[in-house]
Amino acid sequence: MTTLSIVEARNGLAEAINRVSYGGERVVFARRGKPVAALVSPEDLALLQKIEDAEDVRAAARALKEYDRNPAAFKSLDEYLVGREVEA
């Protein structure tokens, strides 16, 4: 993994993109030595999104299990929305 400062990234963005798209590298952009962003291939991004989706499914399954154990502990949507402003 390559780390570039923001100044280096600004001056060499095309090269960083080539390293990611053709070399399969991951590039981290840092400001004052702290990582602030990353450049990854579309394949890596798709993999990250699949991982996030799988975690969302696991979280939903846990919530449904909890609801099945004790439905009275949960509010209905109507109860939840009382007093809240909802944008359409």
C-alpha atoms as a PDB file:
ATOM      1  CA  MET A   1       0.000   0.000   0.000  1.00  0.00           C
ATOM      2  CA  THR A   2       1.314   3.408  -0.961  1.00  0.00           C
ATOM      3  CA  THR A   3       0.788   6.512   1.162  1.00  0.00           C
ATOM      4  CA  LEU A   4       0.911   9.959  -0.398  1.00  0.00           C
ATOM      5  CA  SER A   5       0.611  13.354   1.205  1.00  0.00           C
ATOM      6  CA  ILE A   6      -2.141  15.581  -0.120  1.00  0.00           C
ATOM      7  CA  VAL A   7       0.489  17.694  -1.907  1.00  0.00           C
ATOM      8  CA  GLU A   8       2.001  14.579  -3.505  1.00  0.00           C
ATOM      9  CA  ALA A   9      -1.473  13.417  -4.489  1.00  0.00           C
ATOM     10  CA  ARG A  10      -2.308  16.784  -6.029  1.00  0.00           C
ATOM     11  CA  ASN A  11       0.893  16.755  -8.058  1.00  0.00           C
ATOM     12  CA  GLY A  12       0.708  13.076  -8.997  1.00  0.00           C
ATOM     13  CA  LEU A  13      -2.952  12.131  -9.104  1.00  0.00           C
ATOM     14  CA  ALA A  14      -2.736  10.624 -12.604  1.00  0.00           C
ATOM     15  CA  GLU A  15       0.169   8.428 -11.499  1.00  0.00           C
ATOM     16  CA  ALA A  16      -1.708   7.348  -8.360  1.00  0.00           C
ATOM     17  CA  ILE A  17      -4.746   6.425 -10.454  1.00  0.00           C
ATOM     18  CA  ASN A  18      -2.548   4.404 -12.810  1.00  0.00           C
ATOM     19  CA  ARG A  19      -0.942   2.574  -9.880  1.00  0.00           C
ATOM     20  CA  VAL A  20      -4.397   1.588  -8.659  1.00  0.00           C
ATOM     21  CA  SER A  21      -6.009   0.777 -11.996  1.00  0.00           C
ATOM     22  CA  TYR A  22      -3.070  -0.964 -13.677  1.00  0.00           C
ATOM     23  CA  GLY A  23      -0.903  -2.080 -10.767  1.00  0.00           C
ATOM     24  CA  GLY A  24      -3.603  -3.193  -8.371  1.00  0.00           C
ATOM     25  CA  GLU A  25      -2.187  -1.006  -5.607  1.00  0.00           C
ATOM     26  CA  ARG A  26      -4.148   0.793  -2.937  1.00  0.00           C
ATOM     27  CA  VAL A  27      -3.185   4.389  -2.309  1.00  0.00           C
ATOM     28  CA  VAL A  28      -3.793   6.201   0.964  1.00  0.00           C
ATOM     29  CA  PHE A  29      -3.843   9.986   1.074  1.00  0.00           C
ATOM     30  CA  ALA A  30      -2.559  11.534   4.280  1.00  0.00           C
ATOM     31  CA  ARG A  31      -2.753  15.002   5.745  1.00  0.00           C
ATOM     32  CA  ARG A  32      -0.109  15.795   8.347  1.00  0.00           C
ATOM     33  CA  GLY A  33       0.737  12.107   8.458  1.00  0.00           C
ATOM     34  CA  LYS A  34      -2.852  11.021   9.183  1.00  0.00           C
ATOM     35  CA  PRO A  35      -4.758   8.922   6.634  1.00  0.00           C
ATOM     36  CA  VAL A  36      -7.765  10.888   5.356  1.00  0.00           C
ATOM     37  CA  ALA A  37      -8.826   9.042   2.189  1.00  0.00           C
ATOM     38  CA  ALA A  38      -7.976   6.085   0.006  1.00  0.00           C
ATOM     39  CA  LEU A  39      -8.003   5.276  -3.677  1.00  0.00           C
ATOM     40  CA  VAL A  40      -8.940   1.690  -4.519  1.00  0.00           C
ATOM     41  CA  SER A  41      -9.840  -0.241  -7.636  1.00  0.00           C
ATOM     42  CA  PRO A  42     -13.469  -0.718  -8.632  1.00  0.00           C
ATOM     43  CA  GLU A  43     -13.037  -4.411  -7.747  1.00  0.00           C
ATOM     44  CA  ASP A  44     -11.870  -3.541  -4.221  1.00  0.00           C
ATOM     45  CA  LEU A  45     -14.756  -1.103  -3.838  1.00  0.00           C
ATOM     46  CA  ALA A  46     -17.254  -3.767  -4.940  1.00  0.00           C
ATOM     47  CA  LEU A  47     -15.757  -6.183  -2.400  1.00  0.00           C
ATOM     48  CA  LEU A  48     -16.043  -3.586   0.378  1.00  0.00           C
ATOM     49  CA  GLN A  49     -19.671  -2.983  -0.558  1.00  0.00           C
ATOM     50  CA  LYS A  50     -20.396  -6.734  -0.463  1.00  0.00           C
ATOM     51  CA  ILE A  51     -18.821  -6.945   2.993  1.00  0.00           C
ATOM     52  CA  GLU A  52     -20.949  -4.012   4.192  1.00  0.00           C
ATOM     53  CA  ASP A  53     -24.083  -5.586   2.692  1.00  0.00           C
ATOM     54  CA  ALA A  54     -23.340  -8.895   4.425  1.00  0.00           C
ATOM     55  CA  GLU A  55     -22.913  -7.092   7.756  1.00  0.00           C
ATOM     56  CA  ASP A  56     -26.239  -5.294   7.207  1.00  0.00           C
ATOM     57  CA  VAL A  57     -27.928  -8.658   6.617  1.00  0.00           C
ATOM     58  CA  ARG A  58     -26.370 -10.074   9.814  1.00  0.00           C
ATOM     59  CA  ALA A  59     -27.500  -7.012  11.799  1.00  0.00           C
ATOM     60  CA  ALA A  60     -31.039  -7.326  10.425  1.00  0.00           C
ATOM     61  CA  ALA A  61     -31.099 -11.031  11.318  1.00  0.00           C
ATOM     62  CA  ARG A  62     -29.967 -10.210  14.872  1.00  0.00           C
ATOM     63  CA  ALA A  63     -32.682  -7.554  15.173  1.00  0.00           C
ATOM     64  CA  LEU A  64     -35.353  -9.959  13.924  1.00  0.00           C
ATOM     65  CA  LYS A  65     -34.181 -12.602  16.395  1.00  0.00           C
ATOM     66  CA  GLU A  66     -34.392 -10.064  19.213  1.00  0.00           C
ATOM     67  CA  TYR A  67     -37.869  -9.043  18.079  1.00  0.00           C
ATOM     68  CA  ASP A  68     -38.982 -12.687  17.981  1.00  0.00           C
ATOM     69  CA  ARG A  69     -37.729 -13.110  21.566  1.00  0.00           C
ATOM     70  CA  ASN A  70     -39.527 -10.050  22.932  1.00  0.00           C
ATOM     71  CA  PRO A  71     -41.832  -8.177  20.519  1.00  0.00           C
ATOM     72  CA  ALA A  72     -43.284  -6.057  23.336  1.00  0.00           C
ATOM     73  CA  ALA A  73     -39.909  -4.370  23.782  1.00  0.00           C
ATOM     74  CA  PHE A  74     -40.191  -2.786  20.343  1.00  0.00           C
ATOM     75  CA  LYS A  75     -42.289   0.186  19.254  1.00  0.00           C
ATOM     76  CA  SER A  76     -44.445   0.129  16.159  1.00  0.00           C
ATOM     77  CA  LEU A  77     -43.467   2.533  13.404  1.00  0.00           C
ATOM     78  CA  ASP A  78     -46.442   4.739  14.285  1.00  0.00           C
ATOM     79  CA  GLU A  79     -45.330   4.872  17.942  1.00  0.00           C
ATOM     80  CA  TYR A  80     -41.763   5.620  16.911  1.00  0.00           C
ATOM     81  CA  LEU A  81     -42.811   8.480  14.637  1.00  0.00           C
ATOM     82  CA  VAL A  82     -44.975  10.271  17.227  1.00  0.00           C
ATOM     83  CA  GLY A  83     -43.472  13.710  17.762  1.00  0.00           C
ATOM     84  CA  ARG A  84     -40.873  13.283  15.026  1.00  0.00           C
ATOM     85  CA  GLU A  85     -40.840  15.290  11.858  1.00  0.00           C
ATOM     86  CA  VAL A  86     -40.622  13.029   8.831  1.00  0.00           C
ATOM     87  CA  GLU A  87     -39.456  14.306   5.462  1.00  0.00           C
ATOM     88  CA  ALA A  88     -41.033  12.788   2.378  1.00  0.00           C
END
